[in-house]
């Protein structure tokens, strides 16, 4: 039995979300369609409202529903340190630690020549503009530990060091609670490089 074409279109749209396969997309579509209340309308309204009201912070490029995000507008943040991340979700991870008190800058991607993404396609120009004020003393590069993340970190490091600003990189290594026997060679190498004195 074939599903109605409008249902199939809905399933296809759910499948476009990251991490959603055909089965989950089908389950979500059937759930939305078979609800008796006006959940579908509320979902559509919330989606359209968020899409129309959320934009980029004019300072750090994080997502915000105002001109400047809550982190950049806070007087409690250390303005001499900027943590550079690839995606807005990365900021949430740092904020959950309640340890980092500086500012952020979101690149919205990483340099990936194979995918046609160069420095011009990410929010690097905006970062360099922020650094020209002379207020920033350190950049923490917190890009992902992937080939693209490493290439981006290296590129940023070369640009920023030329300005006389300290550049640091997040330490990578063995996750807490894991066994050494399951760690790969790259992770172990990074753990050795980033070791601390006890």
Foldseek 3Di string as FASTA:
>chain_A
DDDPPVLVVQLVVQCVDPPDDSVNSNVVSCVCVPDPDPVVVVVVVVVVVQVVQWFAALQAGAIDSDNHDPLVPDPQAQAQEEEEEAHNVVVVVVVVVVPHRHHYHYFVHFDDVVVPRHSVNTCVVSVVVSCVVVSHQEYEYEYDPDPRSVVRLVVVVVVVVVVVHHYHYDQAADDPPDDPVPDDPVRHVSCVVPDDDD
